[in-house]
Amino acid sequence: MDATNAIARTLRVVVELLVRHDYGGLERMTGGERLRASEMEAAIRDYGRTLVMPLAEDFLRADVIPVQESSPPAYSVRFRIYTEEEGLSDLELQATLVGDPDAETLSVELDNIIVA
């Protein structure tokens, strides 16, 4: 099964929350397992630029590696975030997405937001 569309839809939701500065909403979505809202906010604030939504097709270009022998299916995902000032930036979202590849969206474990 091809999980590309579910991954793209899930990334879009995550990036929308970051663009809106809804770090609490993103923490609730991820369960705060790896990154708390305050850590997300600090990463974005420290980067010092204005996040913007990329084009819809950009979500299809995420770097995705299927996690071998995972059940349910899991995907290690890296996605470069866009900013008003730079377009494609050096800021990278790293996440593990888990769930049925035919689902509308997958569950999200936000691993990191770093300068790549």
PDB file of N, CA and C in Angstrom:
ATOM      1  N   MET A   1       0.839  -1.188   0.000  1.00  0.00           N
ATOM      2  CA  MET A   1       0.000   0.000   0.000  1.00  0.00           C
ATOM      3  C   MET A   1       0.880   1.246   0.000  1.00  0.00           C
ATOM      4  N   ASP A   2       0.455   2.228  -0.724  1.00  0.00           N
ATOM      5  CA  ASP A   2       1.196   3.474  -0.818  1.00  0.00           C
ATOM      6  C   ASP A   2       0.682   4.464   0.227  1.00  0.00           C
ATOM      7  N   ALA A   3       1.562   4.853   1.115  1.00  0.00           N
ATOM      8  CA  ALA A   3       1.179   5.749   2.201  1.00  0.00           C
ATOM      9  C   ALA A   3       1.439   7.211   1.873  1.00  0.00           C
ATOM     10  N   THR A   4       1.871   7.507   0.645  1.00  0.00           N
ATOM     11  CA  THR A   4       2.281   8.863   0.282  1.00  0.00           C
ATOM     12  C   THR A   4       1.223   9.902   0.596  1.00  0.00           C
ATOM     13  N   ASN A   5      -0.028   9.644   0.231  1.00  0.00           N
ATOM     14  CA  ASN A   5      -1.076  10.646   0.452  1.00  0.00           C
ATOM     15  C   ASN A   5      -1.388  10.838   1.928  1.00  0.00           C
ATOM     16  N   ALA A   6      -1.422   9.760   2.705  1.00  0.00           N
ATOM     17  CA  ALA A   6      -1.673   9.880   4.145  1.00  0.00           C
ATOM     18  C   ALA A   6      -0.539  10.645   4.820  1.00  0.00           C
ATOM     19  N   ILE A   7       0.687  10.389   4.387  1.00  0.00           N
ATOM     20  CA  ILE A   7       1.840  11.115   4.942  1.00  0.00           C
ATOM     21  C   ILE A   7       1.734  12.591   4.601  1.00  0.00           C
ATOM     22  N   ALA A   8       1.426  12.917   3.346  1.00  0.00           N
ATOM     23  CA  ALA A   8       1.297  14.315   2.929  1.00  0.00           C
ATOM     24  C   ALA A   8       0.186  15.026   3.700  1.00  0.00           C
ATOM     25  N   ARG A   9      -0.970  14.376   3.849  1.00  0.00           N
ATOM     26  CA  ARG A   9      -2.086  14.992   4.604  1.00  0.00           C
ATOM     27  C   ARG A   9      -1.693  15.227   6.060  1.00  0.00           C
ATOM     28  N   THR A  10      -1.004  14.266   6.649  1.00  0.00           N
ATOM     29  CA  THR A  10      -0.595  14.386   8.049  1.00  0.00           C
ATOM     30  C   THR A  10       0.421  15.507   8.212  1.00  0.00           C
ATOM     31  N   LEU A  11       1.395  15.579   7.325  1.00  0.00           N
ATOM     32  CA  LEU A  11       2.391  16.656   7.387  1.00  0.00           C
ATOM     33  C   LEU A  11       1.725  18.023   7.247  1.00  0.00           C
ATOM     34  N   ARG A  12       0.741  18.104   6.388  1.00  0.00           N
ATOM     35  CA  ARG A  12       0.040  19.380   6.195  1.00  0.00           C
ATOM     36  C   ARG A  12      -0.600  19.846   7.508  1.00  0.00           C
ATOM     37  N   VAL A  13      -1.231  18.935   8.215  1.00  0.00           N
ATOM     38  CA  VAL A  13      -1.842  19.284   9.503  1.00  0.00           C
ATOM     39  C   VAL A  13      -0.772  19.764  10.484  1.00  0.00           C
ATOM     40  N   VAL A  14       0.336  19.053  10.571  1.00  0.00           N
ATOM     41  CA  VAL A  14       1.425  19.420  11.493  1.00  0.00           C
ATOM     42  C   VAL A  14       1.973  20.795  11.145  1.00  0.00           C
ATOM     43  N   VAL A  15       2.265  21.029   9.873  1.00  0.00           N
ATOM     44  CA  VAL A  15       2.838  22.318   9.464  1.00  0.00           C
ATOM     45  C   VAL A  15       1.835  23.447   9.671  1.00  0.00           C
ATOM     46  N   GLU A  16       0.559  23.204   9.404  1.00  0.00           N
ATOM     47  CA  GLU A  16      -0.469  24.233   9.657  1.00  0.00           C
ATOM     48  C   GLU A  16      -0.461  24.654  11.122  1.00  0.00           C
ATOM     49  N   LEU A  17      -0.341  23.697  12.025  1.00  0.00           N
ATOM     50  CA  LEU A  17      -0.298  24.022  13.452  1.00  0.00           C
ATOM     51  C   LEU A  17       0.942  24.849  13.779  1.00  0.00           C
ATOM     52  N   LEU A  18       2.073  24.500  13.195  1.00  0.00           N
ATOM     53  CA  LEU A  18       3.300  25.277  13.434  1.00  0.00           C
ATOM     54  C   LEU A  18       3.166  26.689  12.881  1.00  0.00           C
ATOM     55  N   VAL A  19       2.637  26.823  11.680  1.00  0.00           N
ATOM     56  CA  VAL A  19       2.466  28.143  11.060  1.00  0.00           C
ATOM     57  C   VAL A  19       1.547  29.017  11.904  1.00  0.00           C
ATOM     58  N   ARG A  20       0.506  28.415  12.487  1.00  0.00           N
ATOM     59  CA  ARG A  20      -0.449  29.165  13.336  1.00  0.00           C
ATOM     60  C   ARG A  20       0.069  29.368  14.762  1.00  0.00           C
ATOM     61  N   HIS A  21       1.248  28.864  15.043  1.00  0.00           N
ATOM     62  CA  HIS A  21       1.825  28.932  16.401  1.00  0.00           C
ATOM     63  C   HIS A  21       0.952  28.203  17.415  1.00  0.00           C
ATOM     64  N   ASP A  22       0.250  27.183  16.971  1.00  0.00           N
ATOM     65  CA  ASP A  22      -0.608  26.397  17.857  1.00  0.00           C
ATOM     66  C   ASP A  22       0.200  25.212  18.398  1.00  0.00           C
ATOM     67  N   TYR A  23       1.200  25.541  19.208  1.00  0.00           N
ATOM     68  CA  TYR A  23       2.093  24.519  19.748  1.00  0.00           C
ATOM     69  C   TYR A  23       1.358  23.610  20.734  1.00  0.00           C
ATOM     70  N   GLY A  24       0.405  24.179  21.462  1.00  0.00           N
ATOM     71  CA  GLY A  24      -0.403  23.364  22.377  1.00  0.00           C
ATOM     72  C   GLY A  24      -1.225  22.340  21.612  1.00  0.00           C
ATOM     73  N   GLY A  25      -1.809  22.758  20.488  1.00  0.00           N
ATOM     74  CA  GLY A  25      -2.578  21.834  19.659  1.00  0.00           C
ATOM     75  C   GLY A  25      -1.702  20.736  19.087  1.00  0.00           C
ATOM     76  N   LEU A  26      -0.489  21.088  18.695  1.00  0.00           N
ATOM     77  CA  LEU A  26       0.432  20.087  18.164  1.00  0.00           C
ATOM     78  C   LEU A  26       0.901  19.146  19.267  1.00  0.00           C
ATOM     79  N   GLU A  27       1.108  19.672  20.469  1.00  0.00           N
ATOM     80  CA  GLU A  27       1.476  18.801  21.587  1.00  0.00           C
ATOM     81  C   GLU A  27       0.352  17.817  21.892  1.00  0.00           C
ATOM     82  N   ARG A  28      -0.896  18.294  21.845  1.00  0.00           N
ATOM     83  CA  ARG A  28      -2.026  17.386  22.076  1.00  0.00           C
ATOM     84  C   ARG A  28      -2.089  16.321  20.979  1.00  0.00           C
ATOM     85  N   MET A  29      -1.843  16.732  19.742  1.00  0.00           N
ATOM     86  CA  MET A  29      -1.879  15.795  18.622  1.00  0.00           C
ATOM     87  C   MET A  29      -0.819  14.709  18.765  1.00  0.00           C
ATOM     88  N   THR A  30       0.354  15.080  19.250  1.00  0.00           N
ATOM     89  CA  THR A  30       1.467  14.137  19.361  1.00  0.00           C
ATOM     90  C   THR A  30       1.545  13.477  20.728  1.00  0.00           C
ATOM     91  N   GLY A  31       0.730  13.931  21.656  1.00  0.00           N
ATOM     92  CA  GLY A  31       0.793  13.411  23.017  1.00  0.00           C
ATOM     93  C   GLY A  31       1.999  13.940  23.781  1.00  0.00           C
ATOM     94  N   GLY A  32       2.720  14.888  23.201  1.00  0.00           N
ATOM     95  CA  GLY A  32       3.888  15.471  23.871  1.00  0.00           C
ATOM     96  C   GLY A  32       4.963  14.445  24.181  1.00  0.00           C
ATOM     97  N   GLU A  33       4.955  13.347  23.437  1.00  0.00           N
ATOM     98  CA  GLU A  33       5.881  12.246  23.714  1.00  0.00           C
ATOM     99  C   GLU A  33       7.343  12.678  23.681  1.00  0.00           C
ATOM    100  N   ARG A  34       7.741  13.383  22.640  1.00  0.00           N
ATOM    101  CA  ARG A  34       9.156  13.727  22.491  1.00  0.00           C
ATOM    102  C   ARG A  34       9.413  15.218  22.611  1.00  0.00           C
ATOM    103  N   LEU A  35       8.481  16.035  22.106  1.00  0.00           N
ATOM    104  CA  LEU A  35       8.644  17.492  22.180  1.00  0.00           C
ATOM    105  C   LEU A  35       7.419  18.116  22.828  1.00  0.00           C
ATOM    106  N   ARG A  36       7.666  18.934  23.792  1.00  0.00           N
ATOM    107  CA  ARG A  36       6.594  19.700  24.445  1.00  0.00           C
ATOM    108  C   ARG A  36       6.344  20.983  23.654  1.00  0.00           C
ATOM    109  N   ALA A  37       5.191  21.587  23.883  1.00  0.00           N
ATOM    110  CA  ALA A  37       4.837  22.828  23.201  1.00  0.00           C
ATOM    111  C   ALA A  37       5.918  23.889  23.405  1.00  0.00           C
ATOM    112  N   SER A  38       6.449  23.998  24.600  1.00  0.00           N
ATOM    113  CA  SER A  38       7.471  25.017  24.886  1.00  0.00           C
ATOM    114  C   SER A  38       8.746  24.772  24.078  1.00  0.00           C
ATOM    115  N   GLU A  39       9.077  23.508  23.838  1.00  0.00           N
ATOM    116  CA  GLU A  39      10.268  23.186  23.043  1.00  0.00           C
ATOM    117  C   GLU A  39      10.045  23.495  21.560  1.00  0.00           C
ATOM    118  N   MET A  40       8.836  23.221  21.082  1.00  0.00           N
ATOM    119  CA  MET A  40       8.503  23.565  19.693  1.00  0.00           C
ATOM    120  C   MET A  40       8.574  25.074  19.507  1.00  0.00           C
ATOM    121  N   GLU A  41       7.957  25.791  20.433  1.00  0.00           N
ATOM    122  CA  GLU A  41       7.939  27.244  20.354  1.00  0.00           C
ATOM    123  C   GLU A  41       9.356  27.808  20.379  1.00  0.00           C
ATOM    124  N   ALA A  42      10.199  27.293  21.240  1.00  0.00           N
ATOM    125  CA  ALA A  42      11.583  27.773  21.332  1.00  0.00           C
ATOM    126  C   ALA A  42      12.338  27.523  20.027  1.00  0.00           C
ATOM    127  N   ALA A  43      12.147  26.355  19.417  1.00  0.00           N
ATOM    128  CA  ALA A  43      12.840  26.043  18.165  1.00  0.00           C
ATOM    129  C   ALA A  43      12.447  27.023  17.065  1.00  0.00           C
ATOM    130  N   ILE A  44      11.151  27.319  16.968  1.00  0.00           N
ATOM    131  CA  ILE A  44      10.672  28.243  15.938  1.00  0.00           C
ATOM    132  C   ILE A  44      11.126  29.668  16.256  1.00  0.00           C
ATOM    133  N   ARG A  45      10.986  30.078  17.489  1.00  0.00           N
ATOM    134  CA  ARG A  45      11.392  31.431  17.892  1.00  0.00           C
ATOM    135  C   ARG A  45      12.886  31.635  17.670  1.00  0.00           C
ATOM    136  N   ASP A  46      13.689  30.658  18.054  1.00  0.00           N
ATOM    137  CA  ASP A  46      15.133  30.777  17.907  1.00  0.00           C
ATOM    138  C   ASP A  46      15.558  30.832  16.441  1.00  0.00           C
ATOM    139  N   TYR A  47      14.788  30.223  15.564  1.00  0.00           N
ATOM    140  CA  TYR A  47      15.112  30.284  14.142  1.00  0.00           C
ATOM    141  C   TYR A  47      14.909  31.698  13.609  1.00  0.00           C
ATOM    142  N   GLY A  48      13.947  32.417  14.188  1.00  0.00           N
ATOM    143  CA  GLY A  48      13.808  33.845  13.919  1.00  0.00           C
ATOM    144  C   GLY A  48      13.199  34.235  12.583  1.00  0.00           C
ATOM    145  N   ARG A  49      12.437  33.343  11.981  1.00  0.00           N
ATOM    146  CA  ARG A  49      11.798  33.675  10.721  1.00  0.00           C
ATOM    147  C   ARG A  49      10.311  33.315  10.783  1.00  0.00           C
ATOM    148  N   THR A  50       9.551  33.789   9.814  1.00  0.00           N
ATOM    149  CA  THR A  50       8.109  33.597   9.795  1.00  0.00           C
ATOM    150  C   THR A  50       7.763  32.363   8.971  1.00  0.00           C
ATOM    151  N   LEU A  51       7.184  31.355   9.609  1.00  0.00           N
ATOM    152  CA  LEU A  51       6.805  30.140   8.898  1.00  0.00           C
ATOM    153  C   LEU A  51       5.610  30.405   7.994  1.00  0.00           C
ATOM    154  N   VAL A  52       5.617  29.769   6.824  1.00  0.00           N
ATOM    155  CA  VAL A  52       4.500  29.863   5.884  1.00  0.00           C
ATOM    156  C   VAL A  52       4.186  28.469   5.358  1.00  0.00           C
ATOM    157  N   MET A  53       2.982  28.323   4.848  1.00  0.00           N
ATOM    158  CA  MET A  53       2.581  27.048   4.263  1.00  0.00           C
ATOM    159  C   MET A  53       3.220  26.881   2.891  1.00  0.00           C
ATOM    160  N   PRO A  54       3.796  25.721   2.652  1.00  0.00           N
ATOM    161  CA  PRO A  54       4.305  25.438   1.306  1.00  0.00           C
ATOM    162  C   PRO A  54       3.153  25.080   0.379  1.00  0.00           C
ATOM    163  N   LEU A  55       3.463  24.893  -0.883  1.00  0.00           N
ATOM    164  CA  LEU A  55       2.463  24.430  -1.840  1.00  0.00           C
ATOM    165  C   LEU A  55       2.057  23.003  -1.499  1.00  0.00           C
ATOM    166  N   ALA A  56       0.864  22.624  -1.869  1.00  0.00           N
ATOM    167  CA  ALA A  56       0.357  21.286  -1.547  1.00  0.00           C
ATOM    168  C   ALA A  56       1.281  20.195  -2.064  1.00  0.00           C
ATOM    169  N   GLU A  57       1.832  20.368  -3.257  1.00  0.00           N
ATOM    170  CA  GLU A  57       2.693  19.326  -3.821  1.00  0.00           C
ATOM    171  C   GLU A  57       4.015  19.174  -3.072  1.00  0.00           C
ATOM    172  N   ASP A  58       4.412  20.191  -2.330  1.00  0.00           N
ATOM    173  CA  ASP A  58       5.662  20.086  -1.564  1.00  0.00           C
ATOM    174  C   ASP A  58       5.568  19.011  -0.483  1.00  0.00           C
ATOM    175  N   PHE A  59       4.378  18.782   0.038  1.00  0.00           N
ATOM    176  CA  PHE A  59       4.210  17.752   1.062  1.00  0.00           C
ATOM    177  C   PHE A  59       4.454  16.352   0.493  1.00  0.00           C
ATOM    178  N   LEU A  60       4.300  16.209  -0.806  1.00  0.00           N
ATOM    179  CA  LEU A  60       4.550  14.921  -1.459  1.00  0.00           C
ATOM    180  C   LEU A  60       6.044  14.656  -1.638  1.00  0.00           C
ATOM    181  N   ARG A  61       6.873  15.671  -1.388  1.00  0.00           N
ATOM    182  CA  ARG A  61       8.324  15.542  -1.578  1.00  0.00           C
ATOM    183  C   ARG A  61       9.077  15.324  -0.271  1.00  0.00           C
ATOM    184  N   ALA A  62       8.375  15.006   0.775  1.00  0.00           N
ATOM    185  CA  ALA A  62       9.040  14.751   2.067  1.00  0.00           C
ATOM    186  C   ALA A  62       9.988  13.569   1.924  1.00  0.00           C
ATOM    187  N   ASP A  63      11.035  13.582   2.715  1.00  0.00           N
ATOM    188  CA  ASP A  63      11.978  12.463   2.768  1.00  0.00           C
ATOM    189  C   ASP A  63      11.363  11.418   3.703  1.00  0.00           C
ATOM    190  N   VAL A  64      10.953  10.286   3.145  1.00  0.00           N
ATOM    191  CA  VAL A  64      10.235   9.259   3.905  1.00  0.00           C
ATOM    192  C   VAL A  64      10.975   7.937   3.818  1.00  0.00           C
ATOM    193  N   ILE A  65      11.211   7.329   4.980  1.00  0.00           N
ATOM    194  CA  ILE A  65      11.824   6.006   5.037  1.00  0.00           C
ATOM    195  C   ILE A  65      10.901   5.098   5.848  1.00  0.00           C
ATOM    196  N   PRO A  66      10.384   4.037   5.232  1.00  0.00           N
ATOM    197  CA  PRO A  66       9.559   3.098   5.997  1.00  0.00           C
ATOM    198  C   PRO A  66      10.389   2.428   7.092  1.00  0.00           C
ATOM    199  N   VAL A  67       9.812   2.311   8.275  1.00  0.00           N
ATOM    200  CA  VAL A  67      10.481   1.630   9.385  1.00  0.00           C
ATOM    201  C   VAL A  67      10.260   0.133   9.170  1.00  0.00           C
ATOM    202  N   GLN A  68      11.346  -0.593   9.047  1.00  0.00           N
ATOM    203  CA  GLN A  68      11.268  -2.020   8.742  1.00  0.00           C
ATOM    204  C   GLN A  68      10.587  -2.806   9.856  1.00  0.00           C
ATOM    205  N   GLU A  69       9.755  -3.735   9.462  1.00  0.00           N
ATOM    206  CA  GLU A  69       9.100  -4.677  10.362  1.00  0.00           C
ATOM    207  C   GLU A  69       8.286  -4.016  11.466  1.00  0.00           C
ATOM    208  N   SER A  70       7.755  -2.830  11.186  1.00  0.00           N
ATOM    209  CA  SER A  70       6.927  -2.167  12.197  1.00  0.00           C
ATOM    210  C   SER A  70       5.470  -2.565  12.005  1.00  0.00           C
ATOM    211  N   SER A  71       4.792  -2.739  13.113  1.00  0.00           N
ATOM    212  CA  SER A  71       3.384  -3.067  13.081  1.00  0.00           C
ATOM    213  C   SER A  71       2.691  -2.304  14.202  1.00  0.00           C
ATOM    214  N   PRO A  72       1.829  -1.349  13.880  1.00  0.00           N
ATOM    215  CA  PRO A  72       1.383  -0.951  12.561  1.00  0.00           C
ATOM    216  C   PRO A  72       2.515  -0.290  11.765  1.00  0.00           C
ATOM    217  N   PRO A  73       2.297  -0.074  10.455  1.00  0.00           N
ATOM    218  CA  PRO A  73       3.332   0.547   9.633  1.00  0.00           C
ATOM    219  C   PRO A  73       3.760   1.901  10.200  1.00  0.00           C
ATOM    220  N   ALA A  74       5.059   2.167  10.115  1.00  0.00           N
ATOM    221  CA  ALA A  74       5.611   3.431  10.601  1.00  0.00           C
ATOM    222  C   ALA A  74       6.577   3.974   9.559  1.00  0.00           C
ATOM    223  N   TYR A  75       6.719   5.304   9.568  1.00  0.00           N
ATOM    224  CA  TYR A  75       7.546   5.987   8.584  1.00  0.00           C
ATOM    225  C   TYR A  75       8.357   7.074   9.280  1.00  0.00           C
ATOM    226  N   SER A  76       9.646   7.069   9.035  1.00  0.00           N
ATOM    227  CA  SER A  76      10.513   8.138   9.512  1.00  0.00           C
ATOM    228  C   SER A  76      10.484   9.229   8.449  1.00  0.00           C
ATOM    229  N   VAL A  77      10.108  10.444   8.860  1.00  0.00           N
ATOM    230  CA  VAL A  77       9.869  11.519   7.899  1.00  0.00           C
ATOM    231  C   VAL A  77      10.692  12.752   8.268  1.00  0.00           C
ATOM    232  N   ARG A  78      11.296  13.325   7.236  1.00  0.00           N
ATOM    233  CA  ARG A  78      11.997  14.608   7.379  1.00  0.00           C
ATOM    234  C   ARG A  78      11.398  15.558   6.354  1.00  0.00           C
ATOM    235  N   PHE A  79      11.039  16.762   6.823  1.00  0.00           N
ATOM    236  CA  PHE A  79      10.397  17.727   5.937  1.00  0.00           C
ATOM    237  C   PHE A  79      10.958  19.111   6.204  1.00  0.00           C
ATOM    238  N   ARG A  80      11.478  19.732   5.165  1.00  0.00           N
ATOM    239  CA  ARG A  80      12.015  21.088   5.283  1.00  0.00           C
ATOM    240  C   ARG A  80      10.857  22.081   5.293  1.00  0.00           C
ATOM    241  N   ILE A  81      10.898  22.981   6.248  1.00  0.00           N
ATOM    242  CA  ILE A  81       9.837  23.961   6.468  1.00  0.00           C
ATOM    243  C   ILE A  81      10.120  25.212   5.631  1.00  0.00           C
ATOM    244  N   TYR A  82       9.064  25.869   5.202  1.00  0.00           N
ATOM    245  CA  TYR A  82       9.178  27.086   4.404  1.00  0.00           C
ATOM    246  C   TYR A  82       8.996  28.318   5.293  1.00  0.00           C
ATOM    247  N   THR A  83       9.724  29.387   4.950  1.00  0.00           N
ATOM    248  CA  THR A  83       9.550  30.652   5.655  1.00  0.00           C
ATOM    249  C   THR A  83       9.282  31.767   4.652  1.00  0.00           C
ATOM    250  N   GLU A  84       8.681  32.818   5.149  1.00  0.00           N
ATOM    251  CA  GLU A  84       8.395  33.991   4.328  1.00  0.00           C
ATOM    252  C   GLU A  84       9.691  34.587   3.782  1.00  0.00           C
ATOM    253  N   GLU A  85      10.718  34.597   4.604  1.00  0.00           N
ATOM    254  CA  GLU A  85      11.975  35.242   4.241  1.00  0.00           C
ATOM    255  C   GLU A  85      12.826  34.420   3.273  1.00  0.00           C
ATOM    256  N   GLU A  86      12.757  33.098   3.375  1.00  0.00           N
ATOM    257  CA  GLU A  86      13.673  32.248   2.616  1.00  0.00           C
ATOM    258  C   GLU A  86      13.021  31.360   1.567  1.00  0.00           C
ATOM    259  N   GLY A  87      11.732  31.154   1.668  1.00  0.00           N
ATOM    260  CA  GLY A  87      11.132  30.067   0.890  1.00  0.00           C
ATOM    261  C   GLY A  87      11.521  28.772   1.593  1.00  0.00           C
ATOM    262  N   LEU A  88      12.087  27.832   0.855  1.00  0.00           N
ATOM    263  CA  LEU A  88      12.565  26.589   1.466  1.00  0.00           C
ATOM    264  C   LEU A  88      13.696  26.929   2.422  1.00  0.00           C
ATOM    265  N   SER A  89      13.507  26.607   3.702  1.00  0.00           N
ATOM    266  CA  SER A  89      14.472  27.015   4.726  1.00  0.00           C
ATOM    267  C   SER A  89      15.369  25.863   5.153  1.00  0.00           C
ATOM    268  N   ASP A  90      16.260  26.157   6.075  1.00  0.00           N
ATOM    269  CA  ASP A  90      17.133  25.143   6.669  1.00  0.00           C
ATOM    270  C   ASP A  90      16.464  24.471   7.876  1.00  0.00           C
ATOM    271  N   LEU A  91      15.274  24.935   8.240  1.00  0.00           N
ATOM    272  CA  LEU A  91      14.565  24.371   9.381  1.00  0.00           C
ATOM    273  C   LEU A  91      13.875  23.081   8.951  1.00  0.00           C
ATOM    274  N   GLU A  92      14.115  22.027   9.702  1.00  0.00           N
ATOM    275  CA  GLU A  92      13.601  20.713   9.325  1.00  0.00           C
ATOM    276  C   GLU A  92      12.760  20.113  10.446  1.00  0.00           C
ATOM    277  N   LEU A  93      11.624  19.594  10.038  1.00  0.00           N
ATOM    278  CA  LEU A  93      10.735  18.856  10.923  1.00  0.00           C
ATOM    279  C   LEU A  93      11.090  17.381  10.777  1.00  0.00           C
ATOM    280  N   GLN A  94      11.317  16.711  11.909  1.00  0.00           N
ATOM    281  CA  GLN A  94      11.602  15.282  11.904  1.00  0.00           C
ATOM    282  C   GLN A  94      10.514  14.603  12.729  1.00  0.00           C
ATOM    283  N   ALA A  95       9.890  13.588  12.124  1.00  0.00           N
ATOM    284  CA  ALA A  95       8.767  12.940  12.794  1.00  0.00           C
ATOM    285  C   ALA A  95       8.710  11.463  12.424  1.00  0.00           C
ATOM    286  N   THR A  96       8.017  10.724  13.265  1.00  0.00           N
ATOM    287  CA  THR A  96       7.671   9.356  12.959  1.00  0.00           C
ATOM    288  C   THR A  96       6.153   9.314  12.832  1.00  0.00           C
ATOM    289  N   LEU A  97       5.680   8.844  11.682  1.00  0.00           N
ATOM    290  CA  LEU A  97       4.250   8.743  11.437  1.00  0.00           C
ATOM    291  C   LEU A  97       3.881   7.271  11.464  1.00  0.00           C
ATOM    292  N   VAL A  98       2.775   6.971  12.152  1.00  0.00           N
ATOM    293  CA  VAL A  98       2.404   5.579  12.391  1.00  0.00           C
ATOM    294  C   VAL A  98       0.935   5.380  12.059  1.00  0.00           C
ATOM    295  N   GLY A  99       0.626   4.259  11.402  1.00  0.00           N
ATOM    296  CA  GLY A  99      -0.771   3.917  11.190  1.00  0.00           C
ATOM    297  C   GLY A  99      -1.036   3.282   9.847  1.00  0.00           C
ATOM    298  N   ASP A 100      -2.296   3.018   9.613  1.00  0.00           N
ATOM    299  CA  ASP A 100      -2.768   2.397   8.388  1.00  0.00           C
ATOM    300  C   ASP A 100      -2.503   3.341   7.218  1.00  0.00           C
ATOM    301  N   PRO A 101      -1.751   2.894   6.198  1.00  0.00           N
ATOM    302  CA  PRO A 101      -1.442   3.771   5.065  1.00  0.00           C
ATOM    303  C   PRO A 101      -2.669   4.203   4.273  1.00  0.00           C
ATOM    304  N   ASP A 102      -3.809   3.532   4.459  1.00  0.00           N
ATOM    305  CA  ASP A 102      -5.044   3.931   3.788  1.00  0.00           C
ATOM    306  C   ASP A 102      -5.866   4.918   4.618  1.00  0.00           C
ATOM    307  N   ALA A 103      -5.388   5.259   5.795  1.00  0.00           N
ATOM    308  CA  ALA A 103      -6.121   6.180   6.673  1.00  0.00           C
ATOM    309  C   ALA A 103      -6.039   7.601   6.131  1.00  0.00           C
ATOM    310  N   GLU A 104      -6.962   8.439   6.584  1.00  0.00           N
ATOM    311  CA  GLU A 104      -6.952   9.851   6.198  1.00  0.00           C
ATOM    312  C   GLU A 104      -5.660  10.519   6.674  1.00  0.00           C
ATOM    313  N   THR A 105      -5.334  10.332   7.957  1.00  0.00           N
ATOM    314  CA  THR A 105      -4.067  10.833   8.510  1.00  0.00           C
ATOM    315  C   THR A 105      -3.483   9.755   9.412  1.00  0.00           C
ATOM    316  N   LEU A 106      -2.223   9.934   9.752  1.00  0.00           N
ATOM    317  CA  LEU A 106      -1.501   8.989  10.599  1.00  0.00           C
ATOM    318  C   LEU A 106      -1.245   9.628  11.958  1.00  0.00           C
ATOM    319  N   SER A 107      -0.933   8.815  12.952  1.00  0.00           N
ATOM    320  CA  SER A 107      -0.554   9.387  14.239  1.00  0.00           C
ATOM    321  C   SER A 107       0.861   9.927  14.118  1.00  0.00           C
ATOM    322  N   VAL A 108       1.162  10.945  14.923  1.00  0.00           N
ATOM    323  CA  VAL A 108       2.408  11.679  14.788  1.00  0.00           C
ATOM    324  C   VAL A 108       3.216  11.605  16.086  1.00  0.00           C
ATOM    325  N   GLU A 109       4.468  11.248  15.940  1.00  0.00           N
ATOM    326  CA  GLU A 109       5.460  11.408  17.002  1.00  0.00           C
ATOM    327  C   GLU A 109       6.448  12.432  16.495  1.00  0.00           C
ATOM    328  N   LEU A 110       6.414  13.632  17.047  1.00  0.00           N
ATOM    329  CA  LEU A 110       7.295  14.707  16.600  1.00  0.00           C
ATOM    330  C   LEU A 110       8.653  14.489  17.253  1.00  0.00           C
ATOM    331  N   ASP A 111       9.649  14.133  16.440  1.00  0.00           N
ATOM    332  CA  ASP A 111      10.961  13.790  16.955  1.00  0.00           C
ATOM    333  C   ASP A 111      11.833  15.023  17.215  1.00  0.00           C
ATOM    334  N   ASN A 112      11.777  16.007  16.291  1.00  0.00           N
ATOM    335  CA  ASN A 112      12.632  17.170  16.457  1.00  0.00           C
ATOM    336  C   ASN A 112      12.268  18.246  15.450  1.00  0.00           C
ATOM    337  N   ILE A 113      12.651  19.471  15.775  1.00  0.00           N
ATOM    338  CA  ILE A 113      12.617  20.584  14.836  1.00  0.00           C
ATOM    339  C   ILE A 113      14.009  21.192  14.935  1.00  0.00           C
ATOM    340  N   ILE A 114      14.793  21.041  13.852  1.00  0.00           N
ATOM    341  CA  ILE A 114      16.199  21.455  13.900  1.00  0.00           C
ATOM    342  C   ILE A 114      16.593  22.230  12.657  1.00  0.00           C
ATOM    343  N   VAL A 115      17.738  22.905  12.752  1.00  0.00           N
ATOM    344  CA  VAL A 115      18.352  23.513  11.589  1.00  0.00           C
ATOM    345  C   VAL A 115      19.217  22.444  10.961  1.00  0.00           C
ATOM    346  N   ALA A 116      18.877  22.089   9.723  1.00  0.00           N
ATOM    347  CA  ALA A 116      19.587  20.993   9.039  1.00  0.00           C
ATOM    348  C   ALA A 116      20.808  21.509   8.289  1.00  0.00           C
TER     349      ALA A 116
END
